[in-house]
Amino acid sequence: TWDKSDYLWYTTYVNINSNEQFLKS
């Protein structure tokens, strides 16, 4: 940012498979 703003977005992606137990529980 070089302090041009207070804010910085950090964005990432997570792939969740259909067999993940938490999807059912």
PDB file of all heavy atoms in Angstrom:
ATOM      1  N   THR A   1       0.805  -1.230   0.000  1.00  0.00           N
ATOM      2  CA  THR A   1       0.000   0.000   0.000  1.00  0.00           C
ATOM      3  C   THR A   1       0.831   1.269   0.000  1.00  0.00           C
ATOM      4  O   THR A   1       0.343   2.324  -0.387  1.00  0.00           O
ATOM      5  CB  THR A   1      -0.915   0.041   1.232  1.00  0.00           C
ATOM      6  OG1 THR A   1      -0.112   0.162   2.414  1.00  0.00           O
ATOM      7  CG2 THR A   1      -1.782  -1.215   1.332  1.00  0.00           C
ATOM      8  N   TRP A   2       2.083   1.201   0.504  1.00  0.00           N
ATOM      9  CA  TRP A   2       2.914   2.387   0.710  1.00  0.00           C
ATOM     10  C   TRP A   2       2.140   3.445   1.500  1.00  0.00           C
ATOM     11  O   TRP A   2       2.318   4.638   1.308  1.00  0.00           O
ATOM     12  CB  TRP A   2       3.425   2.952  -0.618  1.00  0.00           C
ATOM     13  CG  TRP A   2       4.563   2.158  -1.181  1.00  0.00           C
ATOM     14  CD1 TRP A   2       4.801   0.820  -1.034  1.00  0.00           C
ATOM     15  CD2 TRP A   2       5.625   2.664  -1.998  1.00  0.00           C
ATOM     16  NE1 TRP A   2       5.937   0.458  -1.707  1.00  0.00           N
ATOM     17  CE2 TRP A   2       6.466   1.556  -2.309  1.00  0.00           C
ATOM     18  CE3 TRP A   2       5.929   3.921  -2.492  1.00  0.00           C
ATOM     19  CZ2 TRP A   2       7.605   1.697  -3.094  1.00  0.00           C
ATOM     20  CZ3 TRP A   2       7.068   4.045  -3.282  1.00  0.00           C
ATOM     21  CH2 TRP A   2       7.897   2.940  -3.582  1.00  0.00           C
ATOM     22  N   ASP A   3       1.240   2.985   2.353  1.00  0.00           N
ATOM     23  CA  ASP A   3       0.446   3.844   3.233  1.00  0.00           C
ATOM     24  C   ASP A   3      -0.458   4.805   2.466  1.00  0.00           C
ATOM     25  O   ASP A   3      -0.867   5.835   2.984  1.00  0.00           O
ATOM     26  CB  ASP A   3       1.345   4.635   4.188  1.00  0.00           C
ATOM     27  CG  ASP A   3       0.559   5.272   5.316  1.00  0.00           C
ATOM     28  OD1 ASP A   3      -0.351   4.612   5.833  1.00  0.00           O
ATOM     29  OD2 ASP A   3       0.822   6.446   5.649  1.00  0.00           O
ATOM     30  N   LYS A   4      -0.800   4.477   1.250  1.00  0.00           N
ATOM     31  CA  LYS A   4      -1.756   5.303   0.511  1.00  0.00           C
ATOM     32  C   LYS A   4      -3.183   5.011   0.964  1.00  0.00           C
ATOM     33  O   LYS A   4      -4.099   5.766   0.637  1.00  0.00           O
ATOM     34  CB  LYS A   4      -1.601   5.067  -0.987  1.00  0.00           C
ATOM     35  CG  LYS A   4      -0.252   5.536  -1.526  1.00  0.00           C
ATOM     36  CD  LYS A   4      -0.074   5.200  -2.995  1.00  0.00           C
ATOM     37  CE  LYS A   4       1.295   5.647  -3.478  1.00  0.00           C
ATOM     38  NZ  LYS A   4       1.539   5.269  -4.897  1.00  0.00           N
ATOM     39  N   SER A   5      -3.358   3.933   1.677  1.00  0.00           N
ATOM     40  CA  SER A   5      -4.643   3.564   2.268  1.00  0.00           C
ATOM     41  C   SER A   5      -4.358   2.773   3.529  1.00  0.00           C
ATOM     42  O   SER A   5      -3.307   2.145   3.677  1.00  0.00           O
ATOM     43  CB  SER A   5      -5.456   2.709   1.285  1.00  0.00           C
ATOM     44  OG  SER A   5      -6.597   2.146   1.928  1.00  0.00           O
ATOM     45  N   ASP A   6      -5.303   2.798   4.473  1.00  0.00           N
ATOM     46  CA  ASP A   6      -5.208   1.946   5.659  1.00  0.00           C
ATOM     47  C   ASP A   6      -5.461   0.485   5.330  1.00  0.00           C
ATOM     48  O   ASP A   6      -5.149  -0.393   6.141  1.00  0.00           O
ATOM     49  CB  ASP A   6      -6.246   2.375   6.703  1.00  0.00           C
ATOM     50  CG  ASP A   6      -5.776   3.529   7.572  1.00  0.00           C
ATOM     51  OD1 ASP A   6      -4.630   3.977   7.407  1.00  0.00           O
ATOM     52  OD2 ASP A   6      -6.570   3.994   8.422  1.00  0.00           O
ATOM     53  N   TYR A   7      -6.039   0.216   4.156  1.00  0.00           N
ATOM     54  CA  TYR A   7      -6.657  -1.081   3.916  1.00  0.00           C
ATOM     55  C   TYR A   7      -5.963  -1.877   2.813  1.00  0.00           C
ATOM     56  O   TYR A   7      -5.536  -1.337   1.788  1.00  0.00           O
ATOM     57  CB  TYR A   7      -8.124  -0.895   3.538  1.00  0.00           C
ATOM     58  CG  TYR A   7      -8.875  -0.003   4.495  1.00  0.00           C
ATOM     59  CD1 TYR A   7      -9.253   1.283   4.128  1.00  0.00           C
ATOM     60  CD2 TYR A   7      -9.183  -0.443   5.780  1.00  0.00           C
ATOM     61  CE1 TYR A   7      -9.923   2.105   5.015  1.00  0.00           C
ATOM     62  CE2 TYR A   7      -9.853   0.380   6.676  1.00  0.00           C
ATOM     63  CZ  TYR A   7     -10.224   1.651   6.286  1.00  0.00           C
ATOM     64  OH  TYR A   7     -10.882   2.465   7.170  1.00  0.00           O
ATOM     65  N   LEU A   8      -5.892  -3.194   3.036  1.00  0.00           N
ATOM     66  CA  LEU A   8      -5.433  -4.130   2.016  1.00  0.00           C
ATOM     67  C   LEU A   8      -6.284  -5.393   2.108  1.00  0.00           C
ATOM     68  O   LEU A   8      -6.404  -6.000   3.178  1.00  0.00           O
ATOM     69  CB  LEU A   8      -3.953  -4.483   2.214  1.00  0.00           C
ATOM     70  CG  LEU A   8      -3.364  -5.465   1.194  1.00  0.00           C
ATOM     71  CD1 LEU A   8      -3.350  -4.844  -0.202  1.00  0.00           C
ATOM     72  CD2 LEU A   8      -1.961  -5.903   1.597  1.00  0.00           C
ATOM     73  N   TRP A   9      -6.885  -5.762   0.961  1.00  0.00           N
ATOM     74  CA  TRP A   9      -7.633  -7.010   0.878  1.00  0.00           C
ATOM     75  C   TRP A   9      -6.686  -8.176   0.606  1.00  0.00           C
ATOM     76  O   TRP A   9      -5.842  -8.108  -0.287  1.00  0.00           O
ATOM     77  CB  TRP A   9      -8.654  -6.949  -0.254  1.00  0.00           C
ATOM     78  CG  TRP A   9      -9.896  -6.164   0.030  1.00  0.00           C
ATOM     79  CD1 TRP A   9     -10.207  -4.917  -0.421  1.00  0.00           C
ATOM     80  CD2 TRP A   9     -11.023  -6.604   0.793  1.00  0.00           C
ATOM     81  NE1 TRP A   9     -11.443  -4.532   0.030  1.00  0.00           N
ATOM     82  CE2 TRP A   9     -11.979  -5.550   0.773  1.00  0.00           C
ATOM     83  CE3 TRP A   9     -11.323  -7.772   1.504  1.00  0.00           C
ATOM     84  CZ2 TRP A   9     -13.203  -5.639   1.427  1.00  0.00           C
ATOM     85  CZ3 TRP A   9     -12.545  -7.860   2.155  1.00  0.00           C
ATOM     86  CH2 TRP A   9     -13.472  -6.806   2.119  1.00  0.00           C
ATOM     87  N   TYR A  10      -6.835  -9.251   1.368  1.00  0.00           N
ATOM     88  CA  TYR A  10      -6.165 -10.529   1.133  1.00  0.00           C
ATOM     89  C   TYR A  10      -7.271 -11.526   0.747  1.00  0.00           C
ATOM     90  O   TYR A  10      -8.158 -11.816   1.565  1.00  0.00           O
ATOM     91  CB  TYR A  10      -5.480 -11.039   2.390  1.00  0.00           C
ATOM     92  CG  TYR A  10      -4.290 -10.257   2.886  1.00  0.00           C
ATOM     93  CD1 TYR A  10      -4.431  -9.001   3.456  1.00  0.00           C
ATOM     94  CD2 TYR A  10      -3.006 -10.809   2.818  1.00  0.00           C
ATOM     95  CE1 TYR A  10      -3.334  -8.294   3.940  1.00  0.00           C
ATOM     96  CE2 TYR A  10      -1.900 -10.117   3.300  1.00  0.00           C
ATOM     97  CZ  TYR A  10      -2.071  -8.861   3.861  1.00  0.00           C
ATOM     98  OH  TYR A  10      -0.977  -8.174   4.343  1.00  0.00           O
ATOM     99  N   THR A  11      -7.222 -12.061  -0.472  1.00  0.00           N
ATOM    100  CA  THR A  11      -8.286 -12.952  -0.945  1.00  0.00           C
ATOM    101  C   THR A  11      -7.697 -14.243  -1.495  1.00  0.00           C
ATOM    102  O   THR A  11      -6.728 -14.220  -2.268  1.00  0.00           O
ATOM    103  CB  THR A  11      -9.121 -12.266  -2.045  1.00  0.00           C
ATOM    104  OG1 THR A  11      -9.713 -11.078  -1.521  1.00  0.00           O
ATOM    105  CG2 THR A  11     -10.217 -13.187  -2.554  1.00  0.00           C
ATOM    106  N   THR A  12      -8.272 -15.359  -1.095  1.00  0.00           N
ATOM    107  CA  THR A  12      -7.858 -16.654  -1.629  1.00  0.00           C
ATOM    108  C   THR A  12      -9.081 -17.558  -1.752  1.00  0.00           C
ATOM    109  O   THR A  12     -10.176 -17.206  -1.271  1.00  0.00           O
ATOM    110  CB  THR A  12      -6.772 -17.311  -0.748  1.00  0.00           C
ATOM    111  OG1 THR A  12      -6.144 -18.363  -1.463  1.00  0.00           O
ATOM    112  CG2 THR A  12      -7.355 -17.836   0.566  1.00  0.00           C
ATOM    113  N   TYR A  13      -8.878 -18.706  -2.403  1.00  0.00           N
ATOM    114  CA  TYR A  13      -9.993 -19.624  -2.657  1.00  0.00           C
ATOM    115  C   TYR A  13      -9.669 -20.994  -2.075  1.00  0.00           C
ATOM    116  O   TYR A  13      -8.520 -21.453  -2.121  1.00  0.00           O
ATOM    117  CB  TYR A  13     -10.261 -19.734  -4.162  1.00  0.00           C
ATOM    118  CG  TYR A  13     -10.703 -18.416  -4.768  1.00  0.00           C
ATOM    119  CD1 TYR A  13      -9.763 -17.490  -5.204  1.00  0.00           C
ATOM    120  CD2 TYR A  13     -12.053 -18.105  -4.864  1.00  0.00           C
ATOM    121  CE1 TYR A  13     -10.153 -16.273  -5.740  1.00  0.00           C
ATOM    122  CE2 TYR A  13     -12.460 -16.890  -5.409  1.00  0.00           C
ATOM    123  CZ  TYR A  13     -11.503 -15.975  -5.831  1.00  0.00           C
ATOM    124  OH  TYR A  13     -11.912 -14.772  -6.347  1.00  0.00           O
ATOM    125  N   VAL A  14     -10.705 -21.635  -1.541  1.00  0.00           N
ATOM    126  CA  VAL A  14     -10.580 -22.966  -0.950  1.00  0.00           C
ATOM    127  C   VAL A  14     -11.595 -23.878  -1.612  1.00  0.00           C
ATOM    128  O   VAL A  14     -12.801 -23.568  -1.641  1.00  0.00           O
ATOM    129  CB  VAL A  14     -10.818 -22.921   0.574  1.00  0.00           C
ATOM    130  CG1 VAL A  14     -10.820 -24.330   1.155  1.00  0.00           C
ATOM    131  CG2 VAL A  14      -9.761 -22.065   1.258  1.00  0.00           C
ATOM    132  N   ASN A  15     -11.135 -24.995  -2.128  1.00  0.00           N
ATOM    133  CA  ASN A  15     -12.036 -25.956  -2.755  1.00  0.00           C
ATOM    134  C   ASN A  15     -12.438 -27.023  -1.733  1.00  0.00           C
ATOM    135  O   ASN A  15     -11.592 -27.614  -1.066  1.00  0.00           O
ATOM    136  CB  ASN A  15     -11.361 -26.615  -3.961  1.00  0.00           C
ATOM    137  CG  ASN A  15     -12.347 -27.445  -4.764  1.00  0.00           C
ATOM    138  OD1 ASN A  15     -13.301 -26.908  -5.321  1.00  0.00           O
ATOM    139  ND2 ASN A  15     -12.116 -28.754  -4.828  1.00  0.00           N
ATOM    140  N   ILE A  16     -13.721 -27.220  -1.620  1.00  0.00           N
ATOM    141  CA  ILE A  16     -14.272 -28.199  -0.669  1.00  0.00           C
ATOM    142  C   ILE A  16     -14.871 -29.363  -1.452  1.00  0.00           C
ATOM    143  O   ILE A  16     -15.783 -29.170  -2.278  1.00  0.00           O
ATOM    144  CB  ILE A  16     -15.329 -27.546   0.240  1.00  0.00           C
ATOM    145  CG1 ILE A  16     -14.704 -26.434   1.076  1.00  0.00           C
ATOM    146  CG2 ILE A  16     -16.006 -28.598   1.114  1.00  0.00           C
ATOM    147  CD1 ILE A  16     -13.612 -26.884   2.020  1.00  0.00           C
ATOM    148  N   ASN A  17     -14.345 -30.558  -1.193  1.00  0.00           N
ATOM    149  CA  ASN A  17     -14.848 -31.754  -1.871  1.00  0.00           C
ATOM    150  C   ASN A  17     -16.183 -32.196  -1.291  1.00  0.00           C
ATOM    151  O   ASN A  17     -16.511 -31.903  -0.139  1.00  0.00           O
ATOM    152  CB  ASN A  17     -13.835 -32.904  -1.746  1.00  0.00           C
ATOM    153  CG  ASN A  17     -12.556 -32.612  -2.503  1.00  0.00           C
ATOM    154  OD1 ASN A  17     -12.582 -31.972  -3.555  1.00  0.00           O
ATOM    155  ND2 ASN A  17     -11.428 -33.074  -1.956  1.00  0.00           N
ATOM    156  N   SER A  18     -16.912 -32.934  -2.065  1.00  0.00           N
ATOM    157  CA  SER A  18     -18.249 -33.372  -1.641  1.00  0.00           C
ATOM    158  C   SER A  18     -18.214 -34.352  -0.485  1.00  0.00           C
ATOM    159  O   SER A  18     -19.213 -34.554   0.201  1.00  0.00           O
ATOM    160  CB  SER A  18     -18.988 -34.004  -2.833  1.00  0.00           C
ATOM    161  OG  SER A  18     -18.242 -35.122  -3.323  1.00  0.00           O
ATOM    162  N   ASN A  19     -17.061 -34.982  -0.244  1.00  0.00           N
ATOM    163  CA  ASN A  19     -16.985 -35.979   0.838  1.00  0.00           C
ATOM    164  C   ASN A  19     -16.553 -35.402   2.172  1.00  0.00           C
ATOM    165  O   ASN A  19     -16.301 -36.155   3.119  1.00  0.00           O
ATOM    166  CB  ASN A  19     -16.043 -37.113   0.436  1.00  0.00           C
ATOM    167  CG  ASN A  19     -14.608 -36.633   0.235  1.00  0.00           C
ATOM    168  OD1 ASN A  19     -14.350 -35.435   0.223  1.00  0.00           O
ATOM    169  ND2 ASN A  19     -13.679 -37.578   0.067  1.00  0.00           N
ATOM    170  N   GLU A  20     -16.419 -34.085   2.267  1.00  0.00           N
ATOM    171  CA  GLU A  20     -16.040 -33.484   3.548  1.00  0.00           C
ATOM    172  C   GLU A  20     -17.141 -33.738   4.582  1.00  0.00           C
ATOM    173  O   GLU A  20     -18.324 -33.456   4.332  1.00  0.00           O
ATOM    174  CB  GLU A  20     -15.793 -31.981   3.403  1.00  0.00           C
ATOM    175  CG  GLU A  20     -14.501 -31.621   2.712  1.00  0.00           C
ATOM    176  CD  GLU A  20     -13.275 -31.857   3.571  1.00  0.00           C
ATOM    177  OE1 GLU A  20     -13.428 -32.166   4.779  1.00  0.00           O
ATOM    178  OE2 GLU A  20     -12.150 -31.759   3.046  1.00  0.00           O
ATOM    179  N   GLN A  21     -16.761 -34.259   5.729  1.00  0.00           N
ATOM    180  CA  GLN A  21     -17.728 -34.642   6.746  1.00  0.00           C
ATOM    181  C   GLN A  21     -18.538 -33.461   7.278  1.00  0.00           C
ATOM    182  O   GLN A  21     -19.711 -33.606   7.623  1.00  0.00           O
ATOM    183  CB  GLN A  21     -17.003 -35.341   7.907  1.00  0.00           C
ATOM    184  CG  GLN A  21     -16.490 -36.720   7.573  1.00  0.00           C
ATOM    185  CD  GLN A  21     -17.615 -37.670   7.191  1.00  0.00           C
ATOM    186  OE1 GLN A  21     -18.649 -37.749   7.874  1.00  0.00           O
ATOM    187  NE2 GLN A  21     -17.433 -38.370   6.075  1.00  0.00           N
ATOM    188  N   PHE A  22     -17.906 -32.263   7.337  1.00  0.00           N
ATOM    189  CA  PHE A  22     -18.638 -31.135   7.941  1.00  0.00           C
ATOM    190  C   PHE A  22     -19.850 -30.730   7.109  1.00  0.00           C
ATOM    191  O   PHE A  22     -20.776 -30.090   7.621  1.00  0.00           O
ATOM    192  CB  PHE A  22     -17.702 -29.941   8.162  1.00  0.00           C
ATOM    193  CG  PHE A  22     -17.336 -29.176   6.919  1.00  0.00           C
ATOM    194  CD1 PHE A  22     -18.215 -28.248   6.349  1.00  0.00           C
ATOM    195  CD2 PHE A  22     -16.104 -29.369   6.308  1.00  0.00           C
ATOM    196  CE1 PHE A  22     -17.866 -27.540   5.217  1.00  0.00           C
ATOM    197  CE2 PHE A  22     -15.755 -28.663   5.177  1.00  0.00           C
ATOM    198  CZ  PHE A  22     -16.642 -27.750   4.613  1.00  0.00           C
ATOM    199  N   LEU A  23     -19.855 -31.088   5.804  1.00  0.00           N
ATOM    200  CA  LEU A  23     -21.014 -30.756   4.975  1.00  0.00           C
ATOM    201  C   LEU A  23     -22.258 -31.491   5.456  1.00  0.00           C
ATOM    202  O   LEU A  23     -23.388 -31.002   5.293  1.00  0.00           O
ATOM    203  CB  LEU A  23     -20.727 -31.104   3.512  1.00  0.00           C
ATOM    204  CG  LEU A  23     -19.649 -30.268   2.816  1.00  0.00           C
ATOM    205  CD1 LEU A  23     -19.354 -30.834   1.435  1.00  0.00           C
ATOM    206  CD2 LEU A  23     -20.086 -28.810   2.716  1.00  0.00           C
ATOM    207  N   LYS A  24     -22.058 -32.657   6.068  1.00  0.00           N
ATOM    208  CA  LYS A  24     -23.177 -33.442   6.591  1.00  0.00           C
ATOM    209  C   LYS A  24     -23.462 -33.113   8.054  1.00  0.00           C
ATOM    210  O   LYS A  24     -24.620 -33.044   8.473  1.00  0.00           O
ATOM    211  CB  LYS A  24     -22.883 -34.933   6.446  1.00  0.00           C
ATOM    212  CG  LYS A  24     -22.671 -35.386   5.009  1.00  0.00           C
ATOM    213  CD  LYS A  24     -22.287 -36.862   4.947  1.00  0.00           C
ATOM    214  CE  LYS A  24     -22.028 -37.305   3.501  1.00  0.00           C
ATOM    215  NZ  LYS A  24     -21.608 -38.726   3.419  1.00  0.00           N
ATOM    216  N   SER A  25     -22.397 -32.906   8.829  1.00  0.00           N
ATOM    217  CA  SER A  25     -22.576 -32.705  10.268  1.00  0.00           C
ATOM    218  C   SER A  25     -22.954 -31.271  10.631  1.00  0.00           C
ATOM    219  O   SER A  25     -23.536 -31.027  11.698  1.00  0.00           O
ATOM    220  CB  SER A  25     -21.294 -33.080  11.017  1.00  0.00           C
ATOM    221  OG  SER A  25     -20.243 -32.158  10.700  1.00  0.00           O
TER     222      SER A  25
END
